[in-house]
PDB file of N, CA and C in Angstrom:
ATOM      1  N   MET A   1     100.280  93.728 179.382  1.00  0.00           N
ATOM      2  CA  MET A   1      99.544  92.667 178.714  1.00  0.00           C
ATOM      3  C   MET A   1      99.755  91.328 179.387  1.00  0.00           C
ATOM      4  N   ALA A   2     100.985  91.068 179.821  1.00  0.00           N
ATOM      5  CA  ALA A   2     101.248  89.785 180.490  1.00  0.00           C
ATOM      6  C   ALA A   2     100.484  89.671 181.778  1.00  0.00           C
ATOM      7  N   ASP A   3     100.342  90.792 182.499  1.00  0.00           N
ATOM      8  CA  ASP A   3      99.554  90.735 183.763  1.00  0.00           C
ATOM      9  C   ASP A   3      98.117  90.358 183.497  1.00  0.00           C
ATOM     10  N   ARG A   4      97.547  90.920 182.447  1.00  0.00           N
ATOM     11  CA  ARG A   4      96.142  90.622 182.079  1.00  0.00           C
ATOM     12  C   ARG A   4      95.999  89.125 181.768  1.00  0.00           C
ATOM     13  N   GLU A   5      96.917  88.562 181.049  1.00  0.00           N
ATOM     14  CA  GLU A   5      96.878  87.142 180.663  1.00  0.00           C
ATOM     15  C   GLU A   5      97.013  86.288 181.916  1.00  0.00           C
ATOM     16  N   LEU A   6      97.866  86.715 182.836  1.00  0.00           N
ATOM     17  CA  LEU A   6      98.067  85.962 184.066  1.00  0.00           C
ATOM     18  C   LEU A   6      96.785  85.944 184.911  1.00  0.00           C
ATOM     19  N   ILE A   7      96.167  87.112 185.043  1.00  0.00           N
ATOM     20  CA  ILE A   7      94.904  87.227 185.817  1.00  0.00           C
ATOM     21  C   ILE A   7      93.804  86.387 185.123  1.00  0.00           C
ATOM     22  N   ASP A   8      93.696  86.474 183.788  1.00  0.00           N
ATOM     23  CA  ASP A   8      92.703  85.725 183.076  1.00  0.00           C
ATOM     24  C   ASP A   8      92.890  84.232 183.284  1.00  0.00           C
ATOM     25  N   GLY A   9      94.137  83.772 183.259  1.00  0.00           N
ATOM     26  CA  GLY A   9      94.425  82.343 183.520  1.00  0.00           C
ATOM     27  C   GLY A   9      93.984  81.914 184.905  1.00  0.00           C
ATOM     28  N   VAL A  10      94.228  82.731 185.892  1.00  0.00           N
ATOM     29  CA  VAL A  10      93.859  82.408 187.258  1.00  0.00           C
ATOM     30  C   VAL A  10      92.337  82.445 187.374  1.00  0.00           C
ATOM     31  N   LEU A  11      91.689  83.402 186.740  1.00  0.00           N
ATOM     32  CA  LEU A  11      90.219  83.451 186.792  1.00  0.00           C
ATOM     33  C   LEU A  11      89.614  82.192 186.195  1.00  0.00           C
ATOM     34  N   ARG A  12      90.182  81.665 185.115  1.00  0.00           N
ATOM     35  CA  ARG A  12      89.651  80.471 184.509  1.00  0.00           C
ATOM     36  C   ARG A  12      89.741  79.254 185.438  1.00  0.00           C
ATOM     37  N   ARG A  13      90.658  79.284 186.373  1.00  0.00           N
ATOM     38  CA  ARG A  13      90.807  78.176 187.316  1.00  0.00           C
ATOM     39  C   ARG A  13      89.871  78.221 188.522  1.00  0.00           C
ATOM     40  N   LEU A  14      89.154  79.367 188.667  1.00  0.00           N
ATOM     41  CA  LEU A  14      88.205  79.453 189.738  1.00  0.00           C
ATOM     42  C   LEU A  14      86.953  78.657 189.420  1.00  0.00           C
ATOM     43  N   ASP A  15      86.217  78.275 190.506  1.00  0.00           N
ATOM     44  CA  ASP A  15      84.934  77.631 190.246  1.00  0.00           C
ATOM     45  C   ASP A  15      83.956  78.684 189.718  1.00  0.00           C
ATOM     46  N   ALA A  16      82.859  78.269 189.194  1.00  0.00           N
ATOM     47  CA  ALA A  16      81.929  79.156 188.525  1.00  0.00           C
ATOM     48  C   ALA A  16      81.352  80.242 189.475  1.00  0.00           C
ATOM     49  N   ASP A  17      81.100  79.866 190.738  1.00  0.00           N
ATOM     50  CA  ASP A  17      80.568  80.821 191.688  1.00  0.00           C
ATOM     51  C   ASP A  17      81.595  81.927 191.974  1.00  0.00           C
ATOM     52  N   GLY A  18      82.792  81.512 192.266  1.00  0.00           N
ATOM     53  CA  GLY A  18      83.861  82.495 192.547  1.00  0.00           C
ATOM     54  C   GLY A  18      84.165  83.383 191.394  1.00  0.00           C
ATOM     55  N   ARG A  19      84.213  82.824 190.200  1.00  0.00           N
ATOM     56  CA  ARG A  19      84.492  83.600 189.010  1.00  0.00           C
ATOM     57  C   ARG A  19      83.392  84.619 188.744  1.00  0.00           C
ATOM     58  N   ALA A  20      82.136  84.221 188.933  1.00  0.00           N
ATOM     59  CA  ALA A  20      80.997  85.139 188.711  1.00  0.00           C
ATOM     60  C   ALA A  20      81.076  86.304 189.660  1.00  0.00           C
ATOM     61  N   ILE A  21      81.369  86.031 190.911  1.00  0.00           N
ATOM     62  CA  ILE A  21      81.437  87.106 191.898  1.00  0.00           C
ATOM     63  C   ILE A  21      82.561  88.055 191.636  1.00  0.00           C
ATOM     64  N   VAL A  22      83.736  87.525 191.295  1.00  0.00           N
ATOM     65  CA  VAL A  22      84.917  88.375 191.015  1.00  0.00           C
ATOM     66  C   VAL A  22      84.610  89.264 189.806  1.00  0.00           C
ATOM     67  N   VAL A  23      84.040  88.662 188.751  1.00  0.00           N
ATOM     68  CA  VAL A  23      83.750  89.429 187.537  1.00  0.00           C
ATOM     69  C   VAL A  23      82.672  90.497 187.800  1.00  0.00           C
ATOM     70  N   LEU A  24      81.622  90.118 188.451  1.00  0.00           N
ATOM     71  CA  LEU A  24      80.545  91.100 188.709  1.00  0.00           C
ATOM     72  C   LEU A  24      81.013  92.243 189.603  1.00  0.00           C
ATOM     73  N   HIS A  25      81.830  91.915 190.624  1.00  0.00           N
ATOM     74  CA  HIS A  25      82.253  92.945 191.565  1.00  0.00           C
ATOM     75  C   HIS A  25      83.426  93.785 191.053  1.00  0.00           C
ATOM     76  N   TYR A  26      84.470  93.124 190.566  1.00  0.00           N
ATOM     77  CA  TYR A  26      85.669  93.866 190.173  1.00  0.00           C
ATOM     78  C   TYR A  26      85.686  94.318 188.704  1.00  0.00           C
ATOM     79  N   TYR A  27      85.201  93.502 187.818  1.00  0.00           N
ATOM     80  CA  TYR A  27      85.217  93.910 186.420  1.00  0.00           C
ATOM     81  C   TYR A  27      84.035  94.809 186.055  1.00  0.00           C
ATOM     82  N   LEU A  28      82.881  94.502 186.598  1.00  0.00           N
ATOM     83  CA  LEU A  28      81.678  95.315 186.286  1.00  0.00           C
ATOM     84  C   LEU A  28      81.379  96.365 187.329  1.00  0.00           C
ATOM     85  N   GLY A  29      82.049  96.301 188.464  1.00  0.00           N
ATOM     86  CA  GLY A  29      81.929  97.334 189.493  1.00  0.00           C
ATOM     87  C   GLY A  29      80.647  97.307 190.306  1.00  0.00           C
ATOM     88  N   LEU A  30      79.974  96.165 190.338  1.00  0.00           N
ATOM     89  CA  LEU A  30      78.724  96.101 191.095  1.00  0.00           C
ATOM     90  C   LEU A  30      79.045  95.998 192.596  1.00  0.00           C
ATOM     91  N   PRO A  31      78.263  96.686 193.427  1.00  0.00           N
ATOM     92  CA  PRO A  31      78.446  96.507 194.869  1.00  0.00           C
ATOM     93  C   PRO A  31      78.006  95.085 195.274  1.00  0.00           C
ATOM     94  N   LEU A  32      78.522  94.631 196.385  1.00  0.00           N
ATOM     95  CA  LEU A  32      78.216  93.255 196.811  1.00  0.00           C
ATOM     96  C   LEU A  32      76.731  92.988 196.982  1.00  0.00           C
ATOM     97  N   THR A  33      75.958  94.005 197.388  1.00  0.00           N
ATOM     98  CA  THR A  33      74.517  93.795 197.529  1.00  0.00           C
ATOM     99  C   THR A  33      73.887  93.478 196.172  1.00  0.00           C
ATOM    100  N   GLU A  34      74.341  94.146 195.107  1.00  0.00           N
ATOM    101  CA  GLU A  34      73.804  93.904 193.765  1.00  0.00           C
ATOM    102  C   GLU A  34      74.289  92.551 193.226  1.00  0.00           C
ATOM    103  N   VAL A  35      75.530  92.179 193.560  1.00  0.00           N
ATOM    104  CA  VAL A  35      76.043  90.869 193.154  1.00  0.00           C
ATOM    105  C   VAL A  35      75.174  89.787 193.767  1.00  0.00           C
ATOM    106  N   ALA A  36      74.836  89.974 195.070  1.00  0.00           N
ATOM    107  CA  ALA A  36      74.000  88.999 195.748  1.00  0.00           C
ATOM    108  C   ALA A  36      72.637  88.909 195.081  1.00  0.00           C
ATOM    109  N   GLY A  37      72.063  90.039 194.709  1.00  0.00           N
ATOM    110  CA  GLY A  37      70.775  90.043 194.027  1.00  0.00           C
ATOM    111  C   GLY A  37      70.819  89.361 192.680  1.00  0.00           C
ATOM    112  N   CYS A  38      71.866  89.601 191.927  1.00  0.00           N
ATOM    113  CA  CYS A  38      72.035  88.978 190.609  1.00  0.00           C
ATOM    114  C   CYS A  38      72.120  87.459 190.721  1.00  0.00           C
ATOM    115  N   LEU A  39      72.818  86.998 191.751  1.00  0.00           N
ATOM    116  CA  LEU A  39      73.057  85.570 191.917  1.00  0.00           C
ATOM    117  C   LEU A  39      71.998  84.888 192.752  1.00  0.00           C
ATOM    118  N   GLY A  40      71.163  85.662 193.416  1.00  0.00           N
ATOM    119  CA  GLY A  40      70.093  85.085 194.240  1.00  0.00           C
ATOM    120  C   GLY A  40      70.584  84.424 195.511  1.00  0.00           C
ATOM    121  N   VAL A  41      71.655  84.957 196.070  1.00  0.00           N
ATOM    122  CA  VAL A  41      72.216  84.450 197.335  1.00  0.00           C
ATOM    123  C   VAL A  41      72.349  85.589 198.330  1.00  0.00           C
ATOM    124  N   PRO A  42      72.464  85.273 199.614  1.00  0.00           N
ATOM    125  CA  PRO A  42      72.656  86.344 200.611  1.00  0.00           C
ATOM    126  C   PRO A  42      73.980  87.023 200.473  1.00  0.00           C
ATOM    127  N   VAL A  43      74.060  88.269 200.956  1.00  0.00           N
ATOM    128  CA  VAL A  43      75.300  89.049 200.880  1.00  0.00           C
ATOM    129  C   VAL A  43      76.419  88.344 201.614  1.00  0.00           C
ATOM    130  N   GLY A  44      76.129  87.708 202.724  1.00  0.00           N
ATOM    131  CA  GLY A  44      77.139  86.992 203.485  1.00  0.00           C
ATOM    132  C   GLY A  44      77.755  85.875 202.674  1.00  0.00           C
ATOM    133  N   THR A  45      76.961  85.204 201.859  1.00  0.00           N
ATOM    134  CA  THR A  45      77.467  84.155 200.984  1.00  0.00           C
ATOM    135  C   THR A  45      78.394  84.739 199.930  1.00  0.00           C
ATOM    136  N   VAL A  46      77.997  85.893 199.373  1.00  0.00           N
ATOM    137  CA  VAL A  46      78.841  86.546 198.379  1.00  0.00           C
ATOM    138  C   VAL A  46      80.171  86.925 199.005  1.00  0.00           C
ATOM    139  N   LYS A  47      80.144  87.474 200.229  1.00  0.00           N
ATOM    140  CA  LYS A  47      81.397  87.858 200.895  1.00  0.00           C
ATOM    141  C   LYS A  47      82.297  86.666 201.155  1.00  0.00           C
ATOM    142  N   SER A  48      81.735  85.565 201.612  1.00  0.00           N
ATOM    143  CA  SER A  48      82.560  84.396 201.906  1.00  0.00           C
ATOM    144  C   SER A  48      83.106  83.787 200.630  1.00  0.00           C
ATOM    145  N   ARG A  49      82.316  83.742 199.582  1.00  0.00           N
ATOM    146  CA  ARG A  49      82.784  83.193 198.295  1.00  0.00           C
ATOM    147  C   ARG A  49      83.834  84.074 197.695  1.00  0.00           C
ATOM    148  N   LEU A  50      83.668  85.390 197.810  1.00  0.00           N
ATOM    149  CA  LEU A  50      84.672  86.330 197.285  1.00  0.00           C
ATOM    150  C   LEU A  50      85.987  86.179 198.059  1.00  0.00           C
ATOM    151  N   HIS A  51      85.892  86.088 199.341  1.00  0.00           N
ATOM    152  CA  HIS A  51      87.110  85.884 200.168  1.00  0.00           C
ATOM    153  C   HIS A  51      87.839  84.597 199.744  1.00  0.00           C
ATOM    154  N   ARG A  52      87.083  83.554 199.564  1.00  0.00           N
ATOM    155  CA  ARG A  52      87.701  82.257 199.161  1.00  0.00           C
ATOM    156  C   ARG A  52      88.266  82.342 197.763  1.00  0.00           C
ATOM    157  N   ALA A  53      87.575  83.009 196.843  1.00  0.00           N
ATOM    158  CA  ALA A  53      88.057  83.156 195.464  1.00  0.00           C
ATOM    159  C   ALA A  53      89.320  83.966 195.393  1.00  0.00           C
ATOM    160  N   LEU A  54      89.369  85.073 196.129  1.00  0.00           N
ATOM    161  CA  LEU A  54      90.588  85.924 196.131  1.00  0.00           C
ATOM    162  C   LEU A  54      91.762  85.173 196.741  1.00  0.00           C
ATOM    163  N   GLY A  55      91.512  84.394 197.785  1.00  0.00           N
ATOM    164  CA  GLY A  55      92.568  83.600 198.370  1.00  0.00           C
ATOM    165  C   GLY A  55      93.099  82.567 197.389  1.00  0.00           C
ATOM    166  N   HIS A  56      92.205  81.932 196.662  1.00  0.00           N
ATOM    167  CA  HIS A  56      92.612  80.932 195.649  1.00  0.00           C
ATOM    168  C   HIS A  56      93.433  81.638 194.543  1.00  0.00           C
ATOM    169  N   MET A  57      92.973  82.786 194.110  1.00  0.00           N
ATOM    170  CA  MET A  57      93.703  83.527 193.086  1.00  0.00           C
ATOM    171  C   MET A  57      95.094  83.889 193.573  1.00  0.00           C
ATOM    172  N   ARG A  58      95.172  84.374 194.778  1.00  0.00           N
ATOM    173  CA  ARG A  58      96.475  84.736 195.369  1.00  0.00           C
ATOM    174  C   ARG A  58      97.416  83.567 195.409  1.00  0.00           C
ATOM    175  N   ASP A  59      96.883  82.426 195.864  1.00  0.00           N
ATOM    176  CA  ASP A  59      97.699  81.196 195.932  1.00  0.00           C
ATOM    177  C   ASP A  59      98.186  80.781 194.541  1.00  0.00           C
ATOM    178  N   GLN A  60      97.293  80.858 193.565  1.00  0.00           N
ATOM    179  CA  GLN A  60      97.663  80.442 192.208  1.00  0.00           C
ATOM    180  C   GLN A  60      98.699  81.386 191.605  1.00  0.00           C
ATOM    181  N   LEU A  61      98.552  82.699 191.861  1.00  0.00           N
ATOM    182  CA  LEU A  61      99.535  83.657 191.347  1.00  0.00           C
ATOM    183  C   LEU A  61     100.916  83.415 191.973  1.00  0.00           C
ATOM    184  N   GLN A  62     100.938  83.115 193.265  1.00  0.00           N
ATOM    185  CA  GLN A  62     102.210  82.841 193.921  1.00  0.00           C
ATOM    186  C   GLN A  62     102.813  81.542 193.389  1.00  0.00           C
ATOM    187  N   ALA A  63     101.996  80.522 193.207  1.00  0.00           N
ATOM    188  CA  ALA A  63     102.484  79.263 192.691  1.00  0.00           C
ATOM    189  C   ALA A  63     103.041  79.430 191.270  1.00  0.00           C
ATOM    190  N   ASP A  64     102.357  80.203 190.459  1.00  0.00           N
ATOM    191  CA  ASP A  64     102.794  80.453 189.076  1.00  0.00           C
ATOM    192  C   ASP A  64     104.096  81.250 189.073  1.00  0.00           C
ATOM    193  N   ALA A  65     104.233  82.181 190.004  1.00  0.00           N
ATOM    194  CA  ALA A  65     105.426  83.009 190.059  1.00  0.00           C
ATOM    195  C   ALA A  65     106.667  82.178 190.422  1.00  0.00           C
ATOM    196  N   PHE A  66     106.495  81.149 191.222  1.00  0.00           N
ATOM    197  CA  PHE A  66     107.605  80.353 191.673  1.00  0.00           C
ATOM    198  C   PHE A  66     107.791  79.048 190.901  1.00  0.00           C
ATOM    199  N   ALA A  67     106.901  78.789 189.954  1.00  0.00           N
ATOM    200  CA  ALA A  67     107.016  77.580 189.127  1.00  0.00           C
ATOM    201  C   ALA A  67     108.192  77.749 188.173  1.00  0.00           C
ATOM    202  N   PRO A  68     108.986  76.746 188.028  1.00  0.00           N
ATOM    203  CA  PRO A  68     110.140  76.851 187.092  1.00  0.00           C
ATOM    204  C   PRO A  68     109.625  76.964 185.657  1.00  0.00           C
ATOM    205  N   ALA A  69     110.319  77.795 184.901  1.00  0.00           N
ATOM    206  CA  ALA A  69     109.927  77.934 183.478  1.00  0.00           C
ATOM    207  C   ALA A  69     110.301  76.662 182.737  1.00  0.00           C
ATOM    208  N   ALA A  70     109.532  76.350 181.723  1.00  0.00           N
ATOM    209  CA  ALA A  70     109.795  75.142 180.939  1.00  0.00           C
ATOM    210  C   ALA A  70     111.172  75.213 180.289  1.00  0.00           C
ATOM    211  N   GLY A  71     111.947  74.161 180.490  1.00  0.00           N
ATOM    212  CA  GLY A  71     113.258  74.070 179.895  1.00  0.00           C
ATOM    213  C   GLY A  71     114.362  74.738 180.690  1.00  0.00           C
ATOM    214  N   VAL A  72     114.035  75.419 181.769  1.00  0.00           N
ATOM    215  CA  VAL A  72     115.034  76.075 182.555  1.00  0.00           C
ATOM    216  C   VAL A  72     115.454  75.181 183.717  1.00  0.00           C
ATOM    217  N   GLY A  73     116.702  75.055 183.952  1.00  0.00           N
ATOM    218  CA  GLY A  73     117.192  74.277 185.092  1.00  0.00           C
ATOM    219  C   GLY A  73     117.258  72.782 184.809  1.00  0.00           C
ATOM    220  N   GLY A  74     116.949  72.368 183.630  1.00  0.00           N
ATOM    221  CA  GLY A  74     117.024  70.938 183.284  1.00  0.00           C
ATOM    222  C   GLY A  74     118.453  70.533 183.028  1.00  0.00           C
ATOM    223  N   THR A  75     118.652  69.259 182.813  1.00  0.00           N
ATOM    224  CA  THR A  75     119.976  68.754 182.522  1.00  0.00           C
ATOM    225  C   THR A  75     120.217  68.783 181.035  1.00  0.00           C
ATOM    226  N   LEU A  76     121.451  68.923 180.672  1.00  0.00           N
ATOM    227  CA  LEU A  76     121.811  68.919 179.250  1.00  0.00           C
ATOM    228  C   LEU A  76     121.926  67.512 178.732  1.00  0.00           C
ATOM    229  N   PRO A  77     121.623  67.305 177.459  1.00  0.00           N
ATOM    230  CA  PRO A  77     121.714  65.949 176.884  1.00  0.00           C
ATOM    231  C   PRO A  77     123.136  65.441 176.816  1.00  0.00           C
TER     232      PRO A  77
END
């Protein structure tokens, strides 16, 4: 369950184009050619936006994994 919440949080931080492509391709299982048709853009555009979105998601997941938890490591009063 925590993994799903983590992925959902990262998806919300994507721009609308990247989020649409990730959802259509990975959640709904559409091939990239159909994603391109749904969005009215060339397949090459879908591929580049998907690549950029996945890179952004990867970066965000890594940043979240290494971010200090709230209240941990702070000084005592």
